[in-house]
Amino acid sequence: MFFNRVIIAGRVIAKETRQTSNNNLVVNLRLGVKEEKNVPLTHVDVVLWGKLAEQGDKKIEKDSVLVVEGVLRQDRWVNKEGEKRTKLYIKANKFCVLDMNRGGQGEETVESEEEKKEE
């Protein structure tokens, strides 16, 4: 058995909310993550589904600072030119919006139903 768990913190630089064809809410985020001052910003895509997406749509804004816990996923597809493409992203299980005005104290941690069942 292998281990797939990601914990990352960063600032929301893009947010898109949409509904799938079967009316499931999806929130796509792009986090800007920087390990050190003089290192270029790394963009990390994060996807929230279902109830977690509903909470994320309400609580997460552009420029919010988040801690996200989830699993690494990979989408694969063939584009119009017939080229194979892949994209890595984090499927979020939990997130916490940090209030940087209060020294990084989190408002609350929001987790998916799947994550609650595991505990």
PDB file of N, CA and C in Angstrom:
ATOM      1  N   MET A   1       0.846  -1.179   0.000  1.00  0.00           N
ATOM      2  CA  MET A   1       0.000   0.000   0.000  1.00  0.00           C
ATOM      3  C   MET A   1       0.890   1.240   0.000  1.00  0.00           C
ATOM      4  N   PHE A   2       0.462   2.270  -0.700  1.00  0.00           N
ATOM      5  CA  PHE A   2       1.214   3.507  -0.801  1.00  0.00           C
ATOM      6  C   PHE A   2       0.479   4.623  -0.079  1.00  0.00           C
ATOM      7  N   PHE A   3       1.201   5.685   0.201  1.00  0.00           N
ATOM      8  CA  PHE A   3       0.672   6.808   0.975  1.00  0.00           C
ATOM      9  C   PHE A   3       0.523   8.013   0.066  1.00  0.00           C
ATOM     10  N   ASN A   4      -0.648   8.632   0.048  1.00  0.00           N
ATOM     11  CA  ASN A   4      -0.905   9.812  -0.777  1.00  0.00           C
ATOM     12  C   ASN A   4      -1.627  10.844   0.082  1.00  0.00           C
ATOM     13  N   ARG A   5      -0.878  11.770   0.667  1.00  0.00           N
ATOM     14  CA  ARG A   5      -1.452  12.830   1.501  1.00  0.00           C
ATOM     15  C   ARG A   5      -0.620  14.081   1.278  1.00  0.00           C
ATOM     16  N   VAL A   6      -1.296  15.199   1.017  1.00  0.00           N
ATOM     17  CA  VAL A   6      -0.624  16.466   0.759  1.00  0.00           C
ATOM     18  C   VAL A   6      -1.166  17.506   1.729  1.00  0.00           C
ATOM     19  N   ILE A   7      -0.268  18.275   2.333  1.00  0.00           N
ATOM     20  CA  ILE A   7      -0.654  19.432   3.141  1.00  0.00           C
ATOM     21  C   ILE A   7       0.130  20.617   2.599  1.00  0.00           C
ATOM     22  N   ILE A   8      -0.591  21.678   2.261  1.00  0.00           N
ATOM     23  CA  ILE A   8       0.061  22.829   1.641  1.00  0.00           C
ATOM     24  C   ILE A   8      -0.599  24.116   2.138  1.00  0.00           C
ATOM     25  N   ALA A   9       0.178  25.175   2.207  1.00  0.00           N
ATOM     26  CA  ALA A   9      -0.348  26.487   2.600  1.00  0.00           C
ATOM     27  C   ALA A   9       0.060  27.499   1.537  1.00  0.00           C
ATOM     28  N   GLY A  10      -0.866  28.391   1.207  1.00  0.00           N
ATOM     29  CA  GLY A  10      -0.562  29.415   0.220  1.00  0.00           C
ATOM     30  C   GLY A  10      -1.688  30.425   0.113  1.00  0.00           C
ATOM     31  N   ARG A  11      -1.474  31.389  -0.759  1.00  0.00           N
ATOM     32  CA  ARG A  11      -2.460  32.455  -0.980  1.00  0.00           C
ATOM     33  C   ARG A  11      -3.258  32.140  -2.246  1.00  0.00           C
ATOM     34  N   VAL A  12      -4.573  32.342  -2.188  1.00  0.00           N
ATOM     35  CA  VAL A  12      -5.443  32.092  -3.337  1.00  0.00           C
ATOM     36  C   VAL A  12      -5.201  33.183  -4.379  1.00  0.00           C
ATOM     37  N   ILE A  13      -4.719  32.775  -5.557  1.00  0.00           N
ATOM     38  CA  ILE A  13      -4.484  33.754  -6.620  1.00  0.00           C
ATOM     39  C   ILE A  13      -5.546  33.661  -7.717  1.00  0.00           C
ATOM     40  N   ALA A  14      -6.337  32.583  -7.702  1.00  0.00           N
ATOM     41  CA  ALA A  14      -7.462  32.463  -8.640  1.00  0.00           C
ATOM     42  C   ALA A  14      -8.497  31.520  -8.045  1.00  0.00           C
ATOM     43  N   LYS A  15      -9.764  31.831  -8.317  1.00  0.00           N
ATOM     44  CA  LYS A  15     -10.872  31.000  -7.834  1.00  0.00           C
ATOM     45  C   LYS A  15     -11.950  30.966  -8.907  1.00  0.00           C
ATOM     46  N   GLU A  16     -12.412  29.755  -9.232  1.00  0.00           N
ATOM     47  CA  GLU A  16     -13.499  29.584 -10.194  1.00  0.00           C
ATOM     48  C   GLU A  16     -14.497  28.590  -9.605  1.00  0.00           C
ATOM     49  N   THR A  17     -15.762  28.977  -9.571  1.00  0.00           N
ATOM     50  CA  THR A  17     -16.820  28.092  -9.087  1.00  0.00           C
ATOM     51  C   THR A  17     -17.704  27.727 -10.264  1.00  0.00           C
ATOM     52  N   ARG A  18     -18.024  26.435 -10.374  1.00  0.00           N
ATOM     53  CA  ARG A  18     -18.899  25.994 -11.466  1.00  0.00           C
ATOM     54  C   ARG A  18     -19.740  24.814 -10.999  1.00  0.00           C
ATOM     55  N   GLN A  19     -20.749  24.490 -11.794  1.00  0.00           N
ATOM     56  CA  GLN A  19     -21.571  23.313 -11.525  1.00  0.00           C
ATOM     57  C   GLN A  19     -21.368  22.315 -12.645  1.00  0.00           C
ATOM     58  N   THR A  20     -21.299  21.036 -12.278  1.00  0.00           N
ATOM     59  CA  THR A  20     -21.181  19.989 -13.284  1.00  0.00           C
ATOM     60  C   THR A  20     -22.547  19.758 -13.920  1.00  0.00           C
ATOM     61  N   SER A  21     -22.585  18.921 -14.948  1.00  0.00           N
ATOM     62  CA  SER A  21     -23.850  18.637 -15.635  1.00  0.00           C
ATOM     63  C   SER A  21     -24.873  17.967 -14.717  1.00  0.00           C
ATOM     64  N   ASN A  22     -24.413  17.280 -13.655  1.00  0.00           N
ATOM     65  CA  ASN A  22     -25.368  16.705 -12.693  1.00  0.00           C
ATOM     66  C   ASN A  22     -25.482  17.552 -11.430  1.00  0.00           C
ATOM     67  N   ASN A  23     -25.282  18.869 -11.583  1.00  0.00           N
ATOM     68  CA  ASN A  23     -25.512  19.870 -10.527  1.00  0.00           C
ATOM     69  C   ASN A  23     -24.626  19.735  -9.297  1.00  0.00           C
ATOM     70  N   ASN A  24     -23.463  19.125  -9.428  1.00  0.00           N
ATOM     71  CA  ASN A  24     -22.495  19.116  -8.331  1.00  0.00           C
ATOM     72  C   ASN A  24     -21.656  20.385  -8.409  1.00  0.00           C
ATOM     73  N   LEU A  25     -21.439  21.015  -7.266  1.00  0.00           N
ATOM     74  CA  LEU A  25     -20.626  22.224  -7.216  1.00  0.00           C
ATOM     75  C   LEU A  25     -19.148  21.841  -7.173  1.00  0.00           C
ATOM     76  N   VAL A  26     -18.336  22.570  -7.932  1.00  0.00           N
ATOM     77  CA  VAL A  26     -16.888  22.371  -7.966  1.00  0.00           C
ATOM     78  C   VAL A  26     -16.236  23.737  -7.819  1.00  0.00           C
ATOM     79  N   VAL A  27     -15.244  23.835  -6.937  1.00  0.00           N
ATOM     80  CA  VAL A  27     -14.462  25.061  -6.800  1.00  0.00           C
ATOM     81  C   VAL A  27     -13.025  24.731  -7.191  1.00  0.00           C
ATOM     82  N   ASN A  28     -12.520  25.431  -8.201  1.00  0.00           N
ATOM     83  CA  ASN A  28     -11.128  25.295  -8.629  1.00  0.00           C
ATOM     84  C   ASN A  28     -10.349  26.476  -8.085  1.00  0.00           C
ATOM     85  N   LEU A  29      -9.274  26.178  -7.391  1.00  0.00           N
ATOM     86  CA  LEU A  29      -8.415  27.215  -6.818  1.00  0.00           C
ATOM     87  C   LEU A  29      -7.018  27.098  -7.395  1.00  0.00           C
ATOM     88  N   ARG A  30      -6.340  28.205  -7.468  1.00  0.00           N
ATOM     89  CA  ARG A  30      -4.903  28.194  -7.736  1.00  0.00           C
ATOM     90  C   ARG A  30      -4.255  28.894  -6.558  1.00  0.00           C
ATOM     91  N   LEU A  31      -3.374  28.167  -5.867  1.00  0.00           N
ATOM     92  CA  LEU A  31      -2.643  28.730  -4.730  1.00  0.00           C
ATOM     93  C   LEU A  31      -1.259  29.156  -5.180  1.00  0.00           C
ATOM     94  N   GLY A  32      -0.815  30.281  -4.664  1.00  0.00           N
ATOM     95  CA  GLY A  32       0.562  30.707  -4.831  1.00  0.00           C
ATOM     96  C   GLY A  32       1.325  30.294  -3.587  1.00  0.00           C
ATOM     97  N   VAL A  33       2.360  29.490  -3.777  1.00  0.00           N
ATOM     98  CA  VAL A  33       3.110  28.926  -2.655  1.00  0.00           C
ATOM     99  C   VAL A  33       4.572  29.311  -2.803  1.00  0.00           C
ATOM    100  N   LYS A  34       5.164  29.742  -1.704  1.00  0.00           N
ATOM    101  CA  LYS A  34       6.565  30.155  -1.708  1.00  0.00           C
ATOM    102  C   LYS A  34       7.247  29.575  -0.479  1.00  0.00           C
ATOM    103  N   GLU A  35       8.296  28.767  -0.679  1.00  0.00           N
ATOM    104  CA  GLU A  35       8.998  28.184   0.465  1.00  0.00           C
ATOM    105  C   GLU A  35       9.967  29.174   1.106  1.00  0.00           C
ATOM    106  N   GLU A  36      10.576  30.002   0.279  1.00  0.00           N
ATOM    107  CA  GLU A  36      11.568  30.962   0.758  1.00  0.00           C
ATOM    108  C   GLU A  36      11.370  32.285   0.034  1.00  0.00           C
ATOM    109  N   LYS A  37      11.956  33.329   0.612  1.00  0.00           N
ATOM    110  CA  LYS A  37      11.796  34.675   0.055  1.00  0.00           C
ATOM    111  C   LYS A  37      12.269  34.804  -1.389  1.00  0.00           C
ATOM    112  N   ASN A  38      13.455  34.304  -1.694  1.00  0.00           N
ATOM    113  CA  ASN A  38      14.065  34.528  -3.007  1.00  0.00           C
ATOM    114  C   ASN A  38      13.799  33.409  -4.007  1.00  0.00           C
ATOM    115  N   VAL A  39      12.766  32.619  -3.764  1.00  0.00           N
ATOM    116  CA  VAL A  39      12.401  31.524  -4.656  1.00  0.00           C
ATOM    117  C   VAL A  39      11.147  31.937  -5.423  1.00  0.00           C
ATOM    118  N   PRO A  40      11.087  31.639  -6.727  1.00  0.00           N
ATOM    119  CA  PRO A  40       9.887  32.018  -7.486  1.00  0.00           C
ATOM    120  C   PRO A  40       8.618  31.363  -6.917  1.00  0.00           C
ATOM    121  N   LEU A  41       7.494  32.028  -7.125  1.00  0.00           N
ATOM    122  CA  LEU A  41       6.197  31.535  -6.682  1.00  0.00           C
ATOM    123  C   LEU A  41       5.841  30.262  -7.447  1.00  0.00           C
ATOM    124  N   THR A  42       5.358  29.254  -6.746  1.00  0.00           N
ATOM    125  CA  THR A  42       4.878  28.018  -7.359  1.00  0.00           C
ATOM    126  C   THR A  42       3.358  28.054  -7.372  1.00  0.00           C
ATOM    127  N   HIS A  43       2.760  27.766  -8.524  1.00  0.00           N
ATOM    128  CA  HIS A  43       1.297  27.722  -8.636  1.00  0.00           C
ATOM    129  C   HIS A  43       0.843  26.284  -8.458  1.00  0.00           C
ATOM    130  N   VAL A  44      -0.107  26.069  -7.543  1.00  0.00           N
ATOM    131  CA  VAL A  44      -0.625  24.734  -7.255  1.00  0.00           C
ATOM    132  C   VAL A  44      -2.139  24.765  -7.424  1.00  0.00           C
ATOM    133  N   ASP A  45      -2.663  23.856  -8.247  1.00  0.00           N
ATOM    134  CA  ASP A  45      -4.107  23.768  -8.454  1.00  0.00           C
ATOM    135  C   ASP A  45      -4.732  22.881  -7.384  1.00  0.00           C
ATOM    136  N   VAL A  46      -5.880  23.331  -6.862  1.00  0.00           N
ATOM    137  CA  VAL A  46      -6.625  22.620  -5.823  1.00  0.00           C
ATOM    138  C   VAL A  46      -8.082  22.559  -6.264  1.00  0.00           C
ATOM    139  N   VAL A  47      -8.722  21.396  -6.083  1.00  0.00           N
ATOM    140  CA  VAL A  47     -10.126  21.228  -6.456  1.00  0.00           C
ATOM    141  C   VAL A  47     -10.926  20.800  -5.234  1.00  0.00           C
ATOM    142  N   LEU A  48     -12.047  21.483  -5.006  1.00  0.00           N
ATOM    143  CA  LEU A  48     -12.988  21.145  -3.931  1.00  0.00           C
ATOM    144  C   LEU A  48     -14.278  20.656  -4.581  1.00  0.00           C
ATOM    145  N   TRP A  49     -14.827  19.555  -4.059  1.00  0.00           N
ATOM    146  CA  TRP A  49     -16.054  18.958  -4.591  1.00  0.00           C
ATOM    147  C   TRP A  49     -17.141  18.920  -3.532  1.00  0.00           C
ATOM    148  N   GLY A  50     -18.397  18.860  -3.980  1.00  0.00           N
ATOM    149  CA  GLY A  50     -19.539  18.584  -3.110  1.00  0.00           C
ATOM    150  C   GLY A  50     -19.726  19.594  -1.991  1.00  0.00           C
ATOM    151  N   LYS A  51     -19.970  19.078  -0.778  1.00  0.00           N
ATOM    152  CA  LYS A  51     -20.222  19.932   0.396  1.00  0.00           C
ATOM    153  C   LYS A  51     -19.004  20.800   0.709  1.00  0.00           C
ATOM    154  N   LEU A  52     -17.811  20.246   0.501  1.00  0.00           N
ATOM    155  CA  LEU A  52     -16.594  21.025   0.733  1.00  0.00           C
ATOM    156  C   LEU A  52     -16.544  22.215  -0.231  1.00  0.00           C
ATOM    157  N   ALA A  53     -16.971  21.989  -1.474  1.00  0.00           N
ATOM    158  CA  ALA A  53     -17.018  23.076  -2.462  1.00  0.00           C
ATOM    159  C   ALA A  53     -18.037  24.138  -2.056  1.00  0.00           C
ATOM    160  N   GLU A  54     -19.175  23.704  -1.506  1.00  0.00           N
ATOM    161  CA  GLU A  54     -20.187  24.664  -1.050  1.00  0.00           C
ATOM    162  C   GLU A  54     -19.616  25.566   0.042  1.00  0.00           C
ATOM    163  N   GLN A  55     -18.909  24.974   0.996  1.00  0.00           N
ATOM    164  CA  GLN A  55     -18.292  25.759   2.068  1.00  0.00           C
ATOM    165  C   GLN A  55     -17.172  26.639   1.520  1.00  0.00           C
ATOM    166  N   GLY A  56     -16.379  26.082   0.620  1.00  0.00           N
ATOM    167  CA  GLY A  56     -15.292  26.844   0.023  1.00  0.00           C
ATOM    168  C   GLY A  56     -15.784  28.032  -0.775  1.00  0.00           C
ATOM    169  N   ASP A  57     -16.905  27.849  -1.471  1.00  0.00           N
ATOM    170  CA  ASP A  57     -17.470  28.946  -2.251  1.00  0.00           C
ATOM    171  C   ASP A  57     -17.873  30.103  -1.346  1.00  0.00           C
ATOM    172  N   LYS A  58     -18.352  29.789  -0.144  1.00  0.00           N
ATOM    173  CA  LYS A  58     -18.771  30.819   0.810  1.00  0.00           C
ATOM    174  C   LYS A  58     -17.595  31.455   1.550  1.00  0.00           C
ATOM    175  N   LYS A  59     -16.608  30.653   1.935  1.00  0.00           N
ATOM    176  CA  LYS A  59     -15.575  31.114   2.863  1.00  0.00           C
ATOM    177  C   LYS A  59     -14.261  31.558   2.217  1.00  0.00           C
ATOM    178  N   ILE A  60     -13.995  31.084   1.005  1.00  0.00           N
ATOM    179  CA  ILE A  60     -12.703  31.367   0.370  1.00  0.00           C
ATOM    180  C   ILE A  60     -12.859  32.502  -0.634  1.00  0.00           C
ATOM    181  N   GLU A  61     -11.973  33.485  -0.532  1.00  0.00           N
ATOM    182  CA  GLU A  61     -11.944  34.601  -1.474  1.00  0.00           C
ATOM    183  C   GLU A  61     -10.554  34.694  -2.086  1.00  0.00           C
ATOM    184  N   LYS A  62     -10.464  35.385  -3.201  1.00  0.00           N
ATOM    185  CA  LYS A  62      -9.153  35.649  -3.787  1.00  0.00           C
ATOM    186  C   LYS A  62      -8.321  36.396  -2.750  1.00  0.00           C
ATOM    187  N   ASP A  63      -7.066  36.053  -2.624  1.00  0.00           N
ATOM    188  CA  ASP A  63      -6.100  36.593  -1.664  1.00  0.00           C
ATOM    189  C   ASP A  63      -6.233  35.998  -0.266  1.00  0.00           C
ATOM    190  N   SER A  64      -7.210  35.089  -0.042  1.00  0.00           N
ATOM    191  CA  SER A  64      -7.262  34.375   1.242  1.00  0.00           C
ATOM    192  C   SER A  64      -6.000  33.534   1.391  1.00  0.00           C
ATOM    193  N   VAL A  65      -5.574  33.355   2.632  1.00  0.00           N
ATOM    194  CA  VAL A  65      -4.467  32.446   2.922  1.00  0.00           C
ATOM    195  C   VAL A  65      -5.083  31.154   3.449  1.00  0.00           C
ATOM    196  N   LEU A  66      -4.730  30.041   2.802  1.00  0.00           N
ATOM    197  CA  LEU A  66      -5.331  28.745   3.127  1.00  0.00           C
ATOM    198  C   LEU A  66      -4.286  27.719   3.509  1.00  0.00           C
ATOM    199  N   VAL A  67      -4.697  26.806   4.372  1.00  0.00           N
ATOM    200  CA  VAL A  67      -3.997  25.541   4.546  1.00  0.00           C
ATOM    201  C   VAL A  67      -4.949  24.499   3.983  1.00  0.00           C
ATOM    202  N   VAL A  68      -4.458  23.671   3.076  1.00  0.00           N
ATOM    203  CA  VAL A  68      -5.278  22.648   2.426  1.00  0.00           C
ATOM    204  C   VAL A  68      -4.649  21.287   2.682  1.00  0.00           C
ATOM    205  N   GLU A  69      -5.499  20.320   3.025  1.00  0.00           N
ATOM    206  CA  GLU A  69      -5.056  18.934   3.145  1.00  0.00           C
ATOM    207  C   GLU A  69      -5.859  18.119   2.149  1.00  0.00           C
ATOM    208  N   GLY A  70      -5.188  17.235   1.428  1.00  0.00           N
ATOM    209  CA  GLY A  70      -5.891  16.430   0.437  1.00  0.00           C
ATOM    210  C   GLY A  70      -5.002  15.356  -0.140  1.00  0.00           C
ATOM    211  N   VAL A  71      -5.359  14.924  -1.343  1.00  0.00           N
ATOM    212  CA  VAL A  71      -4.602  13.882  -2.035  1.00  0.00           C
ATOM    213  C   VAL A  71      -4.223  14.383  -3.422  1.00  0.00           C
ATOM    214  N   LEU A  72      -3.115  13.882  -3.924  1.00  0.00           N
ATOM    215  CA  LEU A  72      -2.641  14.252  -5.248  1.00  0.00           C
ATOM    216  C   LEU A  72      -3.384  13.426  -6.290  1.00  0.00           C
ATOM    217  N   ARG A  73      -3.893  14.093  -7.314  1.00  0.00           N
ATOM    218  CA  ARG A  73      -4.614  13.437  -8.403  1.00  0.00           C
ATOM    219  C   ARG A  73      -3.993  13.861  -9.731  1.00  0.00           C
ATOM    220  N   GLN A  74      -4.266  13.068 -10.771  1.00  0.00           N
ATOM    221  CA  GLN A  74      -3.766  13.391 -12.102  1.00  0.00           C
ATOM    222  C   GLN A  74      -4.876  13.186 -13.123  1.00  0.00           C
ATOM    223  N   ASP A  75      -5.153  14.224 -13.899  1.00  0.00           N
ATOM    224  CA  ASP A  75      -6.073  14.106 -15.035  1.00  0.00           C
ATOM    225  C   ASP A  75      -5.251  13.794 -16.274  1.00  0.00           C
ATOM    226  N   ARG A  76      -5.815  12.955 -17.144  1.00  0.00           N
ATOM    227  CA  ARG A  76      -5.164  12.614 -18.415  1.00  0.00           C
ATOM    228  C   ARG A  76      -6.182  12.795 -19.532  1.00  0.00           C
ATOM    229  N   TRP A  77      -5.743  13.374 -20.653  1.00  0.00           N
ATOM    230  CA  TRP A  77      -6.627  13.554 -21.795  1.00  0.00           C
ATOM    231  C   TRP A  77      -5.791  13.725 -23.054  1.00  0.00           C
ATOM    232  N   VAL A  78      -6.471  13.674 -24.200  1.00  0.00           N
ATOM    233  CA  VAL A  78      -5.843  13.915 -25.497  1.00  0.00           C
ATOM    234  C   VAL A  78      -6.448  15.204 -26.038  1.00  0.00           C
ATOM    235  N   ASN A  79      -5.580  16.176 -26.398  1.00  0.00           N
ATOM    236  CA  ASN A  79      -6.087  17.464 -26.883  1.00  0.00           C
ATOM    237  C   ASN A  79      -6.506  17.381 -28.353  1.00  0.00           C
ATOM    238  N   LYS A  80      -6.958  18.493 -28.905  1.00  0.00           N
ATOM    239  CA  LYS A  80      -7.466  18.533 -30.285  1.00  0.00           C
ATOM    240  C   LYS A  80      -6.410  18.148 -31.316  1.00  0.00           C
ATOM    241  N   GLU A  81      -5.144  18.387 -30.965  1.00  0.00           N
ATOM    242  CA  GLU A  81      -4.049  18.053 -31.879  1.00  0.00           C
ATOM    243  C   GLU A  81      -3.614  16.600 -31.733  1.00  0.00           C
ATOM    244  N   GLY A  82      -4.296  15.843 -30.866  1.00  0.00           N
ATOM    245  CA  GLY A  82      -3.960  14.429 -30.669  1.00  0.00           C
ATOM    246  C   GLY A  82      -2.820  14.191 -29.689  1.00  0.00           C
ATOM    247  N   GLU A  83      -2.400  15.237 -28.983  1.00  0.00           N
ATOM    248  CA  GLU A  83      -1.306  15.100 -28.017  1.00  0.00           C
ATOM    249  C   GLU A  83      -1.845  14.663 -26.661  1.00  0.00           C
ATOM    250  N   LYS A  84      -1.125  13.734 -26.031  1.00  0.00           N
ATOM    251  CA  LYS A  84      -1.496  13.310 -24.682  1.00  0.00           C
ATOM    252  C   LYS A  84      -1.093  14.393 -23.694  1.00  0.00           C
ATOM    253  N   ARG A  85      -2.007  14.738 -22.797  1.00  0.00           N
ATOM    254  CA  ARG A  85      -1.761  15.783 -21.798  1.00  0.00           C
ATOM    255  C   ARG A  85      -2.043  15.228 -20.410  1.00  0.00           C
ATOM    256  N   THR A  86      -1.379  15.791 -19.406  1.00  0.00           N
ATOM    257  CA  THR A  86      -1.651  15.432 -18.015  1.00  0.00           C
ATOM    258  C   THR A  86      -1.613  16.693 -17.163  1.00  0.00           C
ATOM    259  N   LYS A  87      -2.291  16.622 -16.032  1.00  0.00           N
ATOM    260  CA  LYS A  87      -2.292  17.748 -15.102  1.00  0.00           C
ATOM    261  C   LYS A  87      -2.385  17.194 -13.687  1.00  0.00           C
ATOM    262  N   LEU A  88      -1.465  17.614 -12.823  1.00  0.00           N
ATOM    263  CA  LEU A  88      -1.511  17.249 -11.411  1.00  0.00           C
ATOM    264  C   LEU A  88      -2.262  18.317 -10.638  1.00  0.00           C
ATOM    265  N   TYR A  89      -3.035  17.884  -9.643  1.00  0.00           N
ATOM    266  CA  TYR A  89      -3.742  18.819  -8.773  1.00  0.00           C
ATOM    267  C   TYR A  89      -3.985  18.148  -7.432  1.00  0.00           C
ATOM    268  N   ILE A  90      -4.403  18.950  -6.462  1.00  0.00           N
ATOM    269  CA  ILE A  90      -4.756  18.421  -5.146  1.00  0.00           C
ATOM    270  C   ILE A  90      -6.273  18.367  -5.050  1.00  0.00           C
ATOM    271  N   LYS A  91      -6.806  17.191  -4.743  1.00  0.00           N
ATOM    272  CA  LYS A  91      -8.238  17.052  -4.430  1.00  0.00           C
ATOM    273  C   LYS A  91      -8.341  17.263  -2.930  1.00  0.00           C
ATOM    274  N   ALA A  92      -8.930  18.384  -2.538  1.00  0.00           N
ATOM    275  CA  ALA A  92      -8.956  18.775  -1.126  1.00  0.00           C
ATOM    276  C   ALA A  92      -9.904  17.899  -0.317  1.00  0.00           C
ATOM    277  N   ASN A  93      -9.469  17.549   0.898  1.00  0.00           N
ATOM    278  CA  ASN A  93     -10.314  16.882   1.885  1.00  0.00           C
ATOM    279  C   ASN A  93     -10.668  17.827   3.029  1.00  0.00           C
ATOM    280  N   LYS A  94      -9.782  18.816   3.268  1.00  0.00           N
ATOM    281  CA  LYS A  94      -9.982  19.796   4.343  1.00  0.00           C
ATOM    282  C   LYS A  94      -9.351  21.103   3.911  1.00  0.00           C
ATOM    283  N   PHE A  95      -9.855  22.192   4.460  1.00  0.00           N
ATOM    284  CA  PHE A  95      -9.165  23.466   4.296  1.00  0.00           C
ATOM    285  C   PHE A  95      -9.414  24.323   5.522  1.00  0.00           C
ATOM    286  N   CYS A  96      -8.500  25.252   5.741  1.00  0.00           N
ATOM    287  CA  CYS A  96      -8.626  26.206   6.831  1.00  0.00           C
ATOM    288  C   CYS A  96      -8.218  27.570   6.290  1.00  0.00           C
ATOM    289  N   VAL A  97      -9.109  28.545   6.408  1.00  0.00           N
ATOM    290  CA  VAL A  97      -8.798  29.917   6.000  1.00  0.00           C
ATOM    291  C   VAL A  97      -8.098  30.579   7.174  1.00  0.00           C
ATOM    292  N   LEU A  98      -6.890  31.085   6.950  1.00  0.00           N
ATOM    293  CA  LEU A  98      -6.138  31.742   8.014  1.00  0.00           C
ATOM    294  C   LEU A  98      -6.416  33.234   8.004  1.00  0.00           C
ATOM    295  N   ASP A  99      -6.586  33.797   9.170  1.00  0.00           N
ATOM    296  CA  ASP A  99      -6.772  35.237   9.321  1.00  0.00           C
ATOM    297  C   ASP A  99      -5.414  35.824   9.681  1.00  0.00           C
ATOM    298  N   MET A 100      -4.736  36.386   8.695  1.00  0.00           N
ATOM    299  CA  MET A 100      -3.374  36.890   8.913  1.00  0.00           C
ATOM    300  C   MET A 100      -3.362  38.116   9.821  1.00  0.00           C
ATOM    301  N   ASN A 101      -4.506  38.774  10.015  1.00  0.00           N
ATOM    302  CA  ASN A 101      -4.582  39.904  10.940  1.00  0.00           C
ATOM    303  C   ASN A 101      -4.579  39.448  12.394  1.00  0.00           C
ATOM    304  N   ARG A 102      -4.819  38.150  12.612  1.00  0.00           N
ATOM    305  CA  ARG A 102      -4.803  37.609  13.972  1.00  0.00           C
ATOM    306  C   ARG A 102      -3.625  36.655  14.147  1.00  0.00           C
ATOM    307  N   GLY A 103      -2.543  36.929  13.464  1.00  0.00           N
ATOM    308  CA  GLY A 103      -1.343  36.116  13.606  1.00  0.00           C
ATOM    309  C   GLY A 103      -1.463  34.732  12.998  1.00  0.00           C
ATOM    310  N   GLY A 104      -2.290  34.579  11.964  1.00  0.00           N
ATOM    311  CA  GLY A 104      -2.420  33.297  11.293  1.00  0.00           C
ATOM    312  C   GLY A 104      -3.381  32.338  11.960  1.00  0.00           C
ATOM    313  N   GLN A 105      -4.162  32.813  12.913  1.00  0.00           N
ATOM    314  CA  GLN A 105      -5.148  31.950  13.569  1.00  0.00           C
ATOM    315  C   GLN A 105      -6.233  31.576  12.563  1.00  0.00           C
ATOM    316  N   GLY A 106      -6.594  30.317  12.515  1.00  0.00           N
ATOM    317  CA  GLY A 106      -7.631  29.863  11.599  1.00  0.00           C
ATOM    318  C   GLY A 106      -9.013  30.185  12.104  1.00  0.00           C
ATOM    319  N   GLU A 107      -9.916  30.491  11.194  1.00  0.00           N
ATOM    320  CA  GLU A 107     -11.316  30.684  11.572  1.00  0.00           C
ATOM    321  C   GLU A 107     -11.899  29.343  11.992  1.00  0.00           C
ATOM    322  N   GLU A 108     -11.818  28.378  11.091  1.00  0.00           N
ATOM    323  CA  GLU A 108     -12.275  27.027  11.370  1.00  0.00           C
ATOM    324  C   GLU A 108     -11.737  26.123  10.277  1.00  0.00           C
ATOM    325  N   THR A 109     -11.641  24.851  10.594  1.00  0.00           N
ATOM    326  CA  THR A 109     -11.239  23.876   9.597  1.00  0.00           C
ATOM    327  C   THR A 109     -12.496  23.251   9.030  1.00  0.00           C
ATOM    328  N   VAL A 110     -12.582  23.194   7.708  1.00  0.00           N
ATOM    329  CA  VAL A 110     -13.725  22.601   7.027  1.00  0.00           C
ATOM    330  C   VAL A 110     -13.227  21.340   6.351  1.00  0.00           C
ATOM    331  N   GLU A 111     -13.945  20.208   6.562  1.00  0.00           N
ATOM    332  CA  GLU A 111     -13.508  18.958   5.963  1.00  0.00           C
ATOM    333  C   GLU A 111     -14.631  18.281   5.201  1.00  0.00           C
ATOM    334  N   SER A 112     -14.235  17.428   4.263  1.00  0.00           N
ATOM    335  CA  SER A 112     -15.209  16.713   3.443  1.00  0.00           C
ATOM    336  C   SER A 112     -15.889  15.630   4.264  1.00  0.00           C
ATOM    337  N   GLU A 113     -17.016  15.157   3.771  1.00  0.00           N
ATOM    338  CA  GLU A 113     -17.742  14.070   4.439  1.00  0.00           C
ATOM    339  C   GLU A 113     -16.880  12.813   4.486  1.00  0.00           C
ATOM    340  N   GLU A 114     -16.112  12.549   3.417  1.00  0.00           N
ATOM    341  CA  GLU A 114     -15.227  11.377   3.376  1.00  0.00           C
ATOM    342  C   GLU A 114     -14.206  11.439   4.496  1.00  0.00           C
ATOM    343  N   GLU A 115     -13.653  12.621   4.719  1.00  0.00           N
ATOM    344  CA  GLU A 115     -12.632  12.803   5.752  1.00  0.00           C
ATOM    345  C   GLU A 115     -13.228  12.579   7.135  1.00  0.00           C
ATOM    346  N   LYS A 116     -14.445  13.045   7.356  1.00  0.00           N
ATOM    347  CA  LYS A 116     -15.101  12.859   8.651  1.00  0.00           C
ATOM    348  C   LYS A 116     -15.328  11.381   8.939  1.00  0.00           C
ATOM    349  N   LYS A 117     -15.656  10.591   7.907  1.00  0.00           N
ATOM    350  CA  LYS A 117     -15.900   9.158   8.080  1.00  0.00           C
ATOM    351  C   LYS A 117     -14.638   8.415   8.493  1.00  0.00           C
ATOM    352  N   GLU A 118     -13.471   8.891   8.018  1.00  0.00           N
ATOM    353  CA  GLU A 118     -12.203   8.230   8.327  1.00  0.00           C
ATOM    354  C   GLU A 118     -11.801   8.400   9.777  1.00  0.00           C
ATOM    355  N   GLU A 119     -12.250   9.465  10.428  1.00  0.00           N
ATOM    356  CA  GLU A 119     -11.815   9.748  11.797  1.00  0.00           C
ATOM    357  C   GLU A 119     -12.498   8.886  12.815  1.00  0.00           C
TER     358      GLU A 119
END
